[in-house]
Amino acid sequence: IRSEGQVRWVVDRVEEDGSARCTMTLEWM
């Protein structure tokens, strides 16, 4: 099995302690 694809990673919010909320989207596979 060979799989390929593209993933987009966006940083939405960063907290004071350095933690973050992000969006991960599998754009195509």
PDB file of all heavy atoms in Angstrom:
ATOM      1  N   ILE A   1       0.856  -1.184   0.000  1.00  0.00           N
ATOM      2  CA  ILE A   1       0.000   0.000   0.000  1.00  0.00           C
ATOM      3  C   ILE A   1       0.899   1.243   0.000  1.00  0.00           C
ATOM      4  O   ILE A   1       1.757   1.395   0.860  1.00  0.00           O
ATOM      5  CB  ILE A   1      -0.912   0.057   1.231  1.00  0.00           C
ATOM      6  CG1 ILE A   1      -1.761  -1.209   1.341  1.00  0.00           C
ATOM      7  CG2 ILE A   1      -1.806   1.295   1.175  1.00  0.00           C
ATOM      8  CD1 ILE A   1      -2.498  -1.336   2.650  1.00  0.00           C
ATOM      9  N   ARG A   2       0.672   2.096  -0.980  1.00  0.00           N
ATOM     10  CA  ARG A   2       1.399   3.366  -1.053  1.00  0.00           C
ATOM     11  C   ARG A   2       0.377   4.487  -0.905  1.00  0.00           C
ATOM     12  O   ARG A   2      -0.589   4.554  -1.662  1.00  0.00           O
ATOM     13  CB  ARG A   2       2.134   3.507  -2.388  1.00  0.00           C
ATOM     14  CG  ARG A   2       2.878   4.845  -2.550  1.00  0.00           C
ATOM     15  CD  ARG A   2       3.485   4.938  -3.941  1.00  0.00           C
ATOM     16  NE  ARG A   2       4.083   6.234  -4.182  1.00  0.00           N
ATOM     17  CZ  ARG A   2       5.353   6.553  -3.938  1.00  0.00           C
ATOM     18  NH1 ARG A   2       6.163   5.617  -3.439  1.00  0.00           N
ATOM     19  NH2 ARG A   2       5.832   7.755  -4.194  1.00  0.00           N
ATOM     20  N   SER A   3       0.577   5.344   0.069  1.00  0.00           N
ATOM     21  CA  SER A   3      -0.326   6.474   0.272  1.00  0.00           C
ATOM     22  C   SER A   3       0.448   7.776   0.179  1.00  0.00           C
ATOM     23  O   SER A   3       1.605   7.866   0.583  1.00  0.00           O
ATOM     24  CB  SER A   3      -1.030   6.365   1.634  1.00  0.00           C
ATOM     25  OG  SER A   3      -0.080   6.320   2.684  1.00  0.00           O
ATOM     26  N   GLU A   4      -0.208   8.769  -0.390  1.00  0.00           N
ATOM     27  CA  GLU A   4       0.380  10.092  -0.542  1.00  0.00           C
ATOM     28  C   GLU A   4      -0.677  11.129  -0.210  1.00  0.00           C
ATOM     29  O   GLU A   4      -1.875  10.842  -0.255  1.00  0.00           O
ATOM     30  CB  GLU A   4       0.883  10.312  -1.972  1.00  0.00           C
ATOM     31  CG  GLU A   4       1.924   9.314  -2.443  1.00  0.00           C
ATOM     32  CD  GLU A   4       2.358   9.575  -3.876  1.00  0.00           C
ATOM     33  OE1 GLU A   4       2.773  10.722  -4.163  1.00  0.00           O
ATOM     34  OE2 GLU A   4       2.283   8.652  -4.702  1.00  0.00           O
ATOM     35  N   GLY A   5      -0.233  12.320   0.107  1.00  0.00           N
ATOM     36  CA  GLY A   5      -1.216  13.359   0.377  1.00  0.00           C
ATOM     37  C   GLY A   5      -0.594  14.671   0.792  1.00  0.00           C
ATOM     38  O   GLY A   5       0.630  14.813   0.872  1.00  0.00           O
ATOM     39  N   GLN A   6      -1.466  15.610   1.064  1.00  0.00           N
ATOM     40  CA  GLN A   6      -1.056  16.945   1.472  1.00  0.00           C
ATOM     41  C   GLN A   6      -1.852  17.354   2.702  1.00  0.00           C
ATOM     42  O   GLN A   6      -3.067  17.148   2.761  1.00  0.00           O
ATOM     43  CB  GLN A   6      -1.294  17.929   0.335  1.00  0.00           C
ATOM     44  CG  GLN A   6      -0.804  19.337   0.600  1.00  0.00           C
ATOM     45  CD  GLN A   6      -0.828  20.186  -0.656  1.00  0.00           C
ATOM     46  OE1 GLN A   6       0.001  20.011  -1.541  1.00  0.00           O
ATOM     47  NE2 GLN A   6      -1.789  21.086  -0.750  1.00  0.00           N
ATOM     48  N   VAL A   7      -1.160  17.905   3.683  1.00  0.00           N
ATOM     49  CA  VAL A   7      -1.774  18.292   4.955  1.00  0.00           C
ATOM     50  C   VAL A   7      -1.458  19.760   5.233  1.00  0.00           C
ATOM     51  O   VAL A   7      -0.305  20.186   5.110  1.00  0.00           O
ATOM     52  CB  VAL A   7      -1.249  17.424   6.120  1.00  0.00           C
ATOM     53  CG1 VAL A   7      -2.003  17.754   7.404  1.00  0.00           C
ATOM     54  CG2 VAL A   7      -1.355  15.943   5.794  1.00  0.00           C
ATOM     55  N   ARG A   8      -2.474  20.510   5.603  1.00  0.00           N
ATOM     56  CA  ARG A   8      -2.265  21.912   5.970  1.00  0.00           C
ATOM     57  C   ARG A   8      -2.393  22.056   7.480  1.00  0.00           C
ATOM     58  O   ARG A   8      -3.327  21.527   8.096  1.00  0.00           O
ATOM     59  CB  ARG A   8      -3.288  22.796   5.259  1.00  0.00           C
ATOM     60  CG  ARG A   8      -3.110  24.292   5.552  1.00  0.00           C
ATOM     61  CD  ARG A   8      -3.953  25.129   4.610  1.00  0.00           C
ATOM     62  NE  ARG A   8      -4.002  26.525   4.994  1.00  0.00           N
ATOM     63  CZ  ARG A   8      -3.032  27.410   4.771  1.00  0.00           C
ATOM     64  NH1 ARG A   8      -1.927  27.015   4.155  1.00  0.00           N
ATOM     65  NH2 ARG A   8      -3.158  28.664   5.149  1.00  0.00           N
ATOM     66  N   TRP A   9      -1.444  22.791   8.071  1.00  0.00           N
ATOM     67  CA  TRP A   9      -1.386  23.002   9.519  1.00  0.00           C
ATOM     68  C   TRP A   9      -1.419  24.502   9.779  1.00  0.00           C
ATOM     69  O   TRP A   9      -0.578  25.254   9.281  1.00  0.00           O
ATOM     70  CB  TRP A   9      -0.090  22.397  10.064  1.00  0.00           C
ATOM     71  CG  TRP A   9       0.102  22.505  11.545  1.00  0.00           C
ATOM     72  CD1 TRP A   9       0.686  23.537  12.216  1.00  0.00           C
ATOM     73  CD2 TRP A   9      -0.274  21.540  12.534  1.00  0.00           C
ATOM     74  NE1 TRP A   9       0.707  23.278  13.570  1.00  0.00           N
ATOM     75  CE2 TRP A   9       0.123  22.053  13.796  1.00  0.00           C
ATOM     76  CE3 TRP A   9      -0.896  20.298  12.486  1.00  0.00           C
ATOM     77  CZ2 TRP A   9      -0.087  21.373  14.987  1.00  0.00           C
ATOM     78  CZ3 TRP A   9      -1.106  19.622  13.674  1.00  0.00           C
ATOM     79  CH2 TRP A   9      -0.712  20.149  14.899  1.00  0.00           C
ATOM     80  N   VAL A  10      -2.402  24.956  10.566  1.00  0.00           N
ATOM     81  CA  VAL A  10      -2.548  26.377  10.865  1.00  0.00           C
ATOM     82  C   VAL A  10      -2.616  26.566  12.375  1.00  0.00           C
ATOM     83  O   VAL A  10      -3.371  25.861  13.063  1.00  0.00           O
ATOM     84  CB  VAL A  10      -3.829  26.958  10.222  1.00  0.00           C
ATOM     85  CG1 VAL A  10      -3.957  28.443  10.548  1.00  0.00           C
ATOM     86  CG2 VAL A  10      -3.814  26.747   8.712  1.00  0.00           C
ATOM     87  N   VAL A  11      -1.837  27.493  12.887  1.00  0.00           N
ATOM     88  CA  VAL A  11      -1.869  27.834  14.308  1.00  0.00           C
ATOM     89  C   VAL A  11      -2.969  28.874  14.513  1.00  0.00           C
ATOM     90  O   VAL A  11      -2.892  29.991  14.003  1.00  0.00           O
ATOM     91  CB  VAL A  11      -0.511  28.387  14.779  1.00  0.00           C
ATOM     92  CG1 VAL A  11      -0.578  28.776  16.255  1.00  0.00           C
ATOM     93  CG2 VAL A  11       0.592  27.368  14.535  1.00  0.00           C
ATOM     94  N   ASP A  12      -3.999  28.510  15.258  1.00  0.00           N
ATOM     95  CA  ASP A  12      -5.135  29.408  15.462  1.00  0.00           C
ATOM     96  C   ASP A  12      -4.971  30.291  16.695  1.00  0.00           C
ATOM     97  O   ASP A  12      -5.301  31.470  16.677  1.00  0.00           O
ATOM     98  CB  ASP A  12      -6.427  28.591  15.600  1.00  0.00           C
ATOM     99  CG  ASP A  12      -6.720  27.771  14.358  1.00  0.00           C
ATOM    100  OD1 ASP A  12      -6.599  28.326  13.246  1.00  0.00           O
ATOM    101  OD2 ASP A  12      -7.046  26.574  14.500  1.00  0.00           O
ATOM    102  N   ARG A  13      -4.478  29.697  17.789  1.00  0.00           N
ATOM    103  CA  ARG A  13      -4.388  30.438  19.047  1.00  0.00           C
ATOM    104  C   ARG A  13      -3.201  29.928  19.856  1.00  0.00           C
ATOM    105  O   ARG A  13      -2.928  28.728  19.876  1.00  0.00           O
ATOM    106  CB  ARG A  13      -5.677  30.271  19.846  1.00  0.00           C
ATOM    107  CG  ARG A  13      -5.766  31.201  21.043  1.00  0.00           C
ATOM    108  CD  ARG A  13      -7.151  31.143  21.662  1.00  0.00           C
ATOM    109  NE  ARG A  13      -7.368  29.907  22.426  1.00  0.00           N
ATOM    110  CZ  ARG A  13      -8.553  29.335  22.581  1.00  0.00           C
ATOM    111  NH1 ARG A  13      -9.617  29.860  21.994  1.00  0.00           N
ATOM    112  NH2 ARG A  13      -8.682  28.249  23.300  1.00  0.00           N
ATOM    113  N   VAL A  14      -2.509  30.822  20.525  1.00  0.00           N
ATOM    114  CA  VAL A  14      -1.385  30.471  21.386  1.00  0.00           C
ATOM    115  C   VAL A  14      -1.662  31.017  22.782  1.00  0.00           C
ATOM    116  O   VAL A  14      -1.960  32.215  22.935  1.00  0.00           O
ATOM    117  CB  VAL A  14      -0.053  31.028  20.848  1.00  0.00           C
ATOM    118  CG1 VAL A  14       1.089  30.673  21.806  1.00  0.00           C
ATOM    119  CG2 VAL A  14       0.234  30.481  19.451  1.00  0.00           C
ATOM    120  N   GLU A  15      -1.583  30.156  23.789  1.00  0.00           N
ATOM    121  CA  GLU A  15      -1.845  30.572  25.163  1.00  0.00           C
ATOM    122  C   GLU A  15      -0.578  31.108  25.818  1.00  0.00           C
ATOM    123  O   GLU A  15       0.535  30.932  25.305  1.00  0.00           O
ATOM    124  CB  GLU A  15      -2.389  29.389  25.971  1.00  0.00           C
ATOM    125  CG  GLU A  15      -3.594  28.709  25.349  1.00  0.00           C
ATOM    126  CD  GLU A  15      -4.826  29.596  25.296  1.00  0.00           C
ATOM    127  OE1 GLU A  15      -4.826  30.656  25.954  1.00  0.00           O
ATOM    128  OE2 GLU A  15      -5.792  29.226  24.592  1.00  0.00           O
ATOM    129  N   GLU A  16      -0.733  31.744  26.963  1.00  0.00           N
ATOM    130  CA  GLU A  16       0.415  32.325  27.653  1.00  0.00           C
ATOM    131  C   GLU A  16       1.436  31.276  28.069  1.00  0.00           C
ATOM    132  O   GLU A  16       2.632  31.555  28.151  1.00  0.00           O
ATOM    133  CB  GLU A  16      -0.064  33.104  28.887  1.00  0.00           C
ATOM    134  CG  GLU A  16      -0.839  34.363  28.551  1.00  0.00           C
ATOM    135  CD  GLU A  16      -1.202  35.156  29.793  1.00  0.00           C
ATOM    136  OE1 GLU A  16      -0.799  34.733  30.910  1.00  0.00           O
ATOM    137  OE2 GLU A  16      -1.878  36.194  29.659  1.00  0.00           O
ATOM    138  N   ASP A  17       0.972  30.033  28.344  1.00  0.00           N
ATOM    139  CA  ASP A  17       1.900  28.993  28.779  1.00  0.00           C
ATOM    140  C   ASP A  17       2.610  28.313  27.607  1.00  0.00           C
ATOM    141  O   ASP A  17       3.419  27.407  27.818  1.00  0.00           O
ATOM    142  CB  ASP A  17       1.173  27.939  29.624  1.00  0.00           C
ATOM    143  CG  ASP A  17       0.100  27.197  28.823  1.00  0.00           C
ATOM    144  OD1 ASP A  17      -0.120  27.514  27.639  1.00  0.00           O
ATOM    145  OD2 ASP A  17      -0.517  26.269  29.392  1.00  0.00           O
ATOM    146  N   GLY A  18       2.342  28.762  26.381  1.00  0.00           N
ATOM    147  CA  GLY A  18       2.996  28.180  25.210  1.00  0.00           C
ATOM    148  C   GLY A  18       2.194  27.101  24.515  1.00  0.00           C
ATOM    149  O   GLY A  18       2.563  26.656  23.427  1.00  0.00           O
ATOM    150  N   SER A  19       1.105  26.641  25.108  1.00  0.00           N
ATOM    151  CA  SER A  19       0.246  25.667  24.445  1.00  0.00           C
ATOM    152  C   SER A  19      -0.503  26.356  23.302  1.00  0.00           C
ATOM    153  O   SER A  19      -0.576  27.582  23.239  1.00  0.00           O
ATOM    154  CB  SER A  19      -0.739  25.046  25.437  1.00  0.00           C
ATOM    155  OG  SER A  19      -1.588  26.039  25.986  1.00  0.00           O
ATOM    156  N   ALA A  20      -1.059  25.546  22.405  1.00  0.00           N
ATOM    157  CA  ALA A  20      -1.686  26.134  21.228  1.00  0.00           C
ATOM    158  C   ALA A  20      -2.852  25.294  20.746  1.00  0.00           C
ATOM    159  O   ALA A  20      -2.927  24.085  21.011  1.00  0.00           O
ATOM    160  CB  ALA A  20      -0.653  26.282  20.109  1.00  0.00           C
ATOM    161  N   ARG A  21      -3.756  25.960  20.032  1.00  0.00           N
ATOM    162  CA  ARG A  21      -4.830  25.265  19.311  1.00  0.00           C
ATOM    163  C   ARG A  21      -4.586  25.470  17.830  1.00  0.00           C
ATOM    164  O   ARG A  21      -4.365  26.600  17.367  1.00  0.00           O
ATOM    165  CB  ARG A  21      -6.207  25.786  19.706  1.00  0.00           C
ATOM    166  CG  ARG A  21      -6.597  25.429  21.131  1.00  0.00           C
ATOM    167  CD  ARG A  21      -8.073  25.663  21.382  1.00  0.00           C
ATOM    168  NE  ARG A  21      -8.895  24.779  20.565  1.00  0.00           N
ATOM    169  CZ  ARG A  21     -10.232  24.769  20.634  1.00  0.00           C
ATOM    170  NH1 ARG A  21     -10.866  25.578  21.445  1.00  0.00           N
ATOM    171  NH2 ARG A  21     -10.913  23.938  19.877  1.00  0.00           N
ATOM    172  N   CYS A  22      -4.616  24.364  17.086  1.00  0.00           N
ATOM    173  CA  CYS A  22      -4.275  24.405  15.678  1.00  0.00           C
ATOM    174  C   CYS A  22      -5.351  23.702  14.854  1.00  0.00           C
ATOM    175  O   CYS A  22      -6.164  22.941  15.381  1.00  0.00           O
ATOM    176  CB  CYS A  22      -2.925  23.718  15.435  1.00  0.00           C
ATOM    177  SG  CYS A  22      -1.570  24.364  16.451  1.00  0.00           S
ATOM    178  N   THR A  23      -5.334  23.942  13.565  1.00  0.00           N
ATOM    179  CA  THR A  23      -6.218  23.253  12.643  1.00  0.00           C
ATOM    180  C   THR A  23      -5.382  22.399  11.709  1.00  0.00           C
ATOM    181  O   THR A  23      -4.424  22.892  11.104  1.00  0.00           O
ATOM    182  CB  THR A  23      -7.058  24.247  11.820  1.00  0.00           C
ATOM    183  OG1 THR A  23      -7.892  24.996  12.697  1.00  0.00           O
ATOM    184  CG2 THR A  23      -7.931  23.507  10.813  1.00  0.00           C
ATOM    185  N   MET A  24      -5.730  21.121  11.602  1.00  0.00           N
ATOM    186  CA  MET A  24      -5.058  20.194  10.697  1.00  0.00           C
ATOM    187  C   MET A  24      -6.082  19.704   9.669  1.00  0.00           C
ATOM    188  O   MET A  24      -7.131  19.183  10.035  1.00  0.00           O
ATOM    189  CB  MET A  24      -4.471  19.006  11.462  1.00  0.00           C
ATOM    190  CG  MET A  24      -3.711  18.021  10.584  1.00  0.00           C
ATOM    191  SD  MET A  24      -2.980  16.649  11.542  1.00  0.00           S
ATOM    192  CE  MET A  24      -4.462  15.695  11.952  1.00  0.00           C
ATOM    193  N   THR A  25      -5.758  19.878   8.394  1.00  0.00           N
ATOM    194  CA  THR A  25      -6.676  19.494   7.326  1.00  0.00           C
ATOM    195  C   THR A  25      -5.959  18.598   6.323  1.00  0.00           C
ATOM    196  O   THR A  25      -4.913  18.980   5.783  1.00  0.00           O
ATOM    197  CB  THR A  25      -7.219  20.739   6.594  1.00  0.00           C
ATOM    198  OG1 THR A  25      -7.781  21.644   7.531  1.00  0.00           O
ATOM    199  CG2 THR A  25      -8.277  20.332   5.574  1.00  0.00           C
ATOM    200  N   LEU A  26      -6.502  17.409   6.108  1.00  0.00           N
ATOM    201  CA  LEU A  26      -5.987  16.520   5.066  1.00  0.00           C
ATOM    202  C   LEU A  26      -6.576  17.004   3.750  1.00  0.00           C
ATOM    203  O   LEU A  26      -7.704  16.664   3.395  1.00  0.00           O
ATOM    204  CB  LEU A  26      -6.401  15.078   5.354  1.00  0.00           C
ATOM    205  CG  LEU A  26      -5.980  14.521   6.721  1.00  0.00           C
ATOM    206  CD1 LEU A  26      -6.611  13.162   6.954  1.00  0.00           C
ATOM    207  CD2 LEU A  26      -4.470  14.423   6.806  1.00  0.00           C
ATOM    208  N   GLU A  27      -5.820  17.794   3.004  1.00  0.00           N
ATOM    209  CA  GLU A  27      -6.385  18.457   1.835  1.00  0.00           C
ATOM    210  C   GLU A  27      -6.675  17.475   0.700  1.00  0.00           C
ATOM    211  O   GLU A  27      -7.682  17.588   0.019  1.00  0.00           O
ATOM    212  CB  GLU A  27      -5.454  19.571   1.369  1.00  0.00           C
ATOM    213  CG  GLU A  27      -5.319  20.679   2.416  1.00  0.00           C
ATOM    214  CD  GLU A  27      -4.739  21.947   1.863  1.00  0.00           C
ATOM    215  OE1 GLU A  27      -3.805  21.869   1.033  1.00  0.00           O
ATOM    216  OE2 GLU A  27      -5.221  23.034   2.237  1.00  0.00           O
ATOM    217  N   TRP A  28      -5.783  16.549   0.463  1.00  0.00           N
ATOM    218  CA  TRP A  28      -6.049  15.476  -0.496  1.00  0.00           C
ATOM    219  C   TRP A  28      -5.230  14.256  -0.115  1.00  0.00           C
ATOM    220  O   TRP A  28      -4.211  14.362   0.573  1.00  0.00           O
ATOM    221  CB  TRP A  28      -5.754  15.909  -1.938  1.00  0.00           C
ATOM    222  CG  TRP A  28      -4.305  16.206  -2.240  1.00  0.00           C
ATOM    223  CD1 TRP A  28      -3.700  17.426  -2.186  1.00  0.00           C
ATOM    224  CD2 TRP A  28      -3.285  15.271  -2.642  1.00  0.00           C
ATOM    225  NE1 TRP A  28      -2.374  17.313  -2.515  1.00  0.00           N
ATOM    226  CE2 TRP A  28      -2.092  15.998  -2.812  1.00  0.00           C
ATOM    227  CE3 TRP A  28      -3.270  13.897  -2.883  1.00  0.00           C
ATOM    228  CZ2 TRP A  28      -0.896  15.402  -3.205  1.00  0.00           C
ATOM    229  CZ3 TRP A  28      -2.073  13.299  -3.267  1.00  0.00           C
ATOM    230  CH2 TRP A  28      -0.905  14.044  -3.423  1.00  0.00           C
ATOM    231  N   MET A  29      -5.703  13.108  -0.552  1.00  0.00           N
ATOM    232  CA  MET A  29      -5.021  11.847  -0.270  1.00  0.00           C
ATOM    233  C   MET A  29      -5.187  10.905  -1.454  1.00  0.00           C
ATOM    234  O   MET A  29      -6.201  10.942  -2.155  1.00  0.00           O
ATOM    235  CB  MET A  29      -5.604  11.178   0.980  1.00  0.00           C
ATOM    236  CG  MET A  29      -5.312  11.901   2.276  1.00  0.00           C
ATOM    237  SD  MET A  29      -6.270  11.180   3.643  1.00  0.00           S
ATOM    238  CE  MET A  29      -7.899  11.841   3.269  1.00  0.00           C
TER     239      MET A  29
END
